[in-house]
């Protein structure tokens, strides 16, 4: 049985750094034995099928292959379609009617506890809010993430120390859910 996964590569094709052409990424994933490989945008989103069932192993294999092929390391998370649907369905904010820039999900390699975020003092950042989900942070920024002091605070290494973290706006999450839908 195969599962459809989304690979989320962190920090590629940003400001001309860590360039990974999407055609090359598709070829790389196909070369790793994955099927039905597709990419979305230029920001490190790929969807593929695999008979493997270990997301961490799939991510580690992709990280090694990117480093071998392109000569630089890239953190990567791999998440199955059911997980993406569950995370989108559990969004604590009213996503309908929001612009993509107002709602972001930060996917994490491990669960973040409320204690890690306790030092943020949420009242300081209002109207921006963050909520914890299953290996994900939901970040609501009515004024846009680019102006958000909370988004800036969440990027501090101490908050996600030891975890791989990569963010996607709501529009991208919805598209990844769509691309992995209808398959296990």
Protein backbone atom coordinates (compact mmCIF):
# COMPACT_ATOMS: atom_id res chain seq x y z
CA UNK A 1 0.00 0.00 0.00
CA UNK A 2 1.24 3.49 -0.77
CA UNK A 3 0.71 6.69 1.15
CA UNK A 4 0.70 10.21 -0.24
CA UNK A 5 3.08 12.54 1.57
CA UNK A 6 4.00 16.20 1.46
CA UNK A 7 7.67 17.10 1.83
CA UNK A 8 8.26 20.53 3.35
CA UNK A 9 11.79 21.76 2.71
CA UNK A 10 12.91 24.62 4.92
CA UNK A 11 14.46 27.78 3.57
CA UNK A 12 15.08 26.93 -0.07
CA UNK A 13 14.83 29.44 -2.92
CA UNK A 14 14.61 32.37 -0.50
CA UNK A 15 16.46 35.48 -1.60
CA UNK A 16 18.52 33.54 -4.12
CA UNK A 17 19.98 31.24 -1.47
CA UNK A 18 19.86 27.45 -1.43
CA UNK A 19 18.52 27.25 -4.98
CA UNK A 20 16.66 24.04 -5.71
CA UNK A 21 14.82 24.08 -9.05
CA UNK A 22 11.50 22.29 -8.68
CA UNK A 23 12.16 20.13 -11.76
CA UNK A 24 15.37 18.94 -10.07
CA UNK A 25 13.50 18.28 -6.83
CA UNK A 26 10.94 16.17 -8.71
CA UNK A 27 13.77 14.22 -10.38
CA UNK A 28 15.47 13.74 -7.01
CA UNK A 29 12.31 12.39 -5.37
CA UNK A 30 11.63 10.10 -8.30
CA UNK A 31 15.22 8.85 -8.07
CA UNK A 32 14.60 7.98 -4.42
CA UNK A 33 11.88 5.60 -5.59
CA UNK A 34 8.86 7.78 -4.89
CA UNK A 35 5.91 7.93 -7.26
CA UNK A 36 3.43 10.52 -8.51
CA UNK A 37 5.86 13.34 -7.66
CA UNK A 38 4.57 16.89 -7.92
CA UNK A 39 5.78 20.23 -6.60
CA UNK A 40 3.88 23.31 -5.53
CA UNK A 41 5.35 26.80 -5.77
CA UNK A 42 9.10 27.40 -5.62
CA UNK A 43 9.30 27.37 -1.84
CA UNK A 44 10.01 23.72 -1.15
CA UNK A 45 6.70 21.90 -1.28
CA UNK A 46 6.57 18.48 -2.90
CA UNK A 47 3.93 15.77 -2.90
CA UNK A 48 4.74 12.13 -3.61
CA UNK A 49 3.61 8.57 -2.95
CA UNK A 50 5.67 5.96 -1.17
CA UNK A 51 5.22 2.51 0.31
CA UNK A 52 7.44 3.59 3.23
CA UNK A 53 5.61 4.45 6.43
CA UNK A 54 8.27 6.29 8.47
CA UNK A 55 8.04 10.06 7.97
CA UNK A 56 11.32 10.73 9.79
CA UNK A 57 13.16 8.21 7.63
CA UNK A 58 11.67 9.70 4.46
CA UNK A 59 12.72 13.20 5.56
CA UNK A 60 16.25 12.06 6.45
CA UNK A 61 16.62 10.36 3.06
CA UNK A 62 15.50 13.50 1.27
CA UNK A 63 17.85 15.67 3.35
CA UNK A 64 20.81 13.41 2.44
CA UNK A 65 19.86 13.41 -1.24
CA UNK A 66 19.54 17.22 -1.37
CA UNK A 67 22.93 17.65 0.28
CA UNK A 68 24.57 15.16 -2.11
CA UNK A 69 22.93 16.70 -5.20
CA UNK A 70 23.10 20.42 -4.35
CA UNK A 71 25.98 20.63 -1.88
CA UNK A 72 24.12 22.22 1.04
CA UNK A 73 21.99 20.94 3.87
CA UNK A 74 18.27 21.57 4.06
CA UNK A 75 15.97 20.63 6.90
CA UNK A 76 12.94 18.72 5.73
CA UNK A 77 9.71 17.48 7.25
CA UNK A 78 7.53 14.83 5.64
CA UNK A 79 3.86 14.59 6.59
CA UNK A 80 1.16 12.24 5.34
CA UNK A 81 -2.09 13.39 3.79
CA UNK A 82 -4.23 12.28 6.76
CA UNK A 83 -2.06 14.33 9.13
CA UNK A 84 -2.35 17.42 6.92
CA UNK A 85 -6.13 17.05 6.74
CA UNK A 86 -6.34 16.64 10.52
CA UNK A 87 -4.14 19.68 11.17
CA UNK A 88 -6.15 21.83 8.76
CA UNK A 89 -9.41 20.59 10.26
CA UNK A 90 -8.21 21.39 13.78
CA UNK A 91 -7.31 25.00 12.98
CA UNK A 92 -8.46 27.03 16.00
CA UNK A 93 -8.91 30.21 13.96
CA UNK A 94 -11.73 30.98 11.51
CA UNK A 95 -9.71 30.43 8.32
CA UNK A 96 -12.65 31.11 5.99
CA UNK A 97 -12.42 34.71 4.87
CA UNK A 98 -8.84 35.25 6.01
CA UNK A 99 -6.06 36.13 3.62
CA UNK A 100 -3.15 33.68 3.39
CA UNK A 101 -0.81 36.24 4.96
CA UNK A 102 -2.96 36.33 8.10
CA UNK A 103 -2.74 32.65 9.03
CA UNK A 104 0.42 30.55 9.06
CA UNK A 105 1.18 27.07 10.30
CA UNK A 106 4.63 26.22 11.57
CA UNK A 107 5.20 22.50 11.21
CA UNK A 108 7.55 20.99 13.78
CA UNK A 109 9.55 17.79 14.01
CA UNK A 110 8.40 17.33 17.61
CA UNK A 111 5.61 18.43 19.87
CA UNK A 112 6.04 21.85 21.48
CA UNK A 113 4.67 22.16 25.01
CA UNK A 114 2.80 25.17 26.37
CA UNK A 115 5.68 25.69 28.80
CA UNK A 116 7.99 26.53 25.88
CA UNK A 117 5.67 29.34 24.82
CA UNK A 118 4.84 30.57 28.33
CA UNK A 119 7.57 33.23 28.28
CA UNK A 120 5.94 34.97 25.31
CA UNK A 121 3.31 36.82 27.39
CA UNK A 122 0.50 36.63 24.80
CA UNK A 123 -1.12 39.92 25.84
CA UNK A 124 2.01 41.71 24.61
CA UNK A 125 1.38 40.62 21.02
CA UNK A 126 -2.38 41.14 20.63
CA UNK A 127 -4.18 41.02 18.25
CA UNK A 128 -1.72 38.36 17.01
CA UNK A 129 -2.19 34.91 18.55
CA UNK A 130 -0.48 31.53 18.53
CA UNK A 131 -2.02 28.18 19.39
CA UNK A 132 -0.39 24.78 19.74
CA UNK A 133 -1.56 21.79 17.72
CA UNK A 134 -0.21 18.34 16.89
CA UNK A 135 3.43 19.12 15.99
CA UNK A 136 2.26 22.46 14.62
CA UNK A 137 1.85 26.05 15.72
CA UNK A 138 -1.08 28.03 14.35
CA UNK A 139 -0.16 31.70 14.01
CA UNK A 140 -2.90 34.28 13.42
CA UNK A 141 -1.65 37.72 12.39
CA UNK A 142 -4.48 40.06 11.27
CA UNK A 143 -1.96 42.65 10.05
CA UNK A 144 0.11 40.09 8.15
CA UNK A 145 3.03 37.95 9.23
CA UNK A 146 5.61 40.42 7.88
CA UNK A 147 4.64 43.02 10.49
CA UNK A 148 4.06 40.61 13.34
CA UNK A 149 6.18 40.93 16.48
CA UNK A 150 4.79 37.57 17.58
CA UNK A 151 6.05 35.90 14.39
CA UNK A 152 9.44 37.46 15.07
CA UNK A 153 9.42 36.15 18.66
CA UNK A 154 8.44 32.66 17.50
CA UNK A 155 11.55 32.57 15.30
CA UNK A 156 13.81 32.73 18.33
CA UNK A 157 15.85 29.52 18.49
CA UNK A 158 15.06 28.91 22.17
CA UNK A 159 11.36 28.38 21.49
CA UNK A 160 11.84 25.48 19.12
CA UNK A 161 15.32 24.45 20.26
CA UNK A 162 16.23 21.05 18.91
CA UNK A 163 13.22 20.88 16.59
CA UNK A 164 13.04 21.38 12.84
CA UNK A 165 10.46 24.04 12.05
CA UNK A 166 9.12 25.31 8.73
CA UNK A 167 6.15 27.56 8.09
CA UNK A 168 3.51 27.70 5.38
CA UNK A 169 0.69 30.17 4.90
CA UNK A 170 -2.90 28.93 5.03
CA UNK A 171 -3.31 28.99 1.23
CA UNK A 172 -0.33 26.65 0.83
CA UNK A 173 -1.60 24.31 3.55
CA UNK A 174 -5.01 24.13 1.84
CA UNK A 175 -3.32 23.33 -1.48
CA UNK A 176 -1.16 20.61 0.08
CA UNK A 177 -4.27 19.09 1.65
CA UNK A 178 -5.90 19.12 -1.78
CA UNK A 179 -2.87 17.55 -3.46
CA UNK A 180 -2.77 14.72 -0.91
CA UNK A 181 -6.55 14.20 -0.76
CA UNK A 182 -8.24 11.07 -1.96
CA UNK A 183 -5.22 8.97 -1.20
CA UNK A 184 -4.17 7.37 2.06
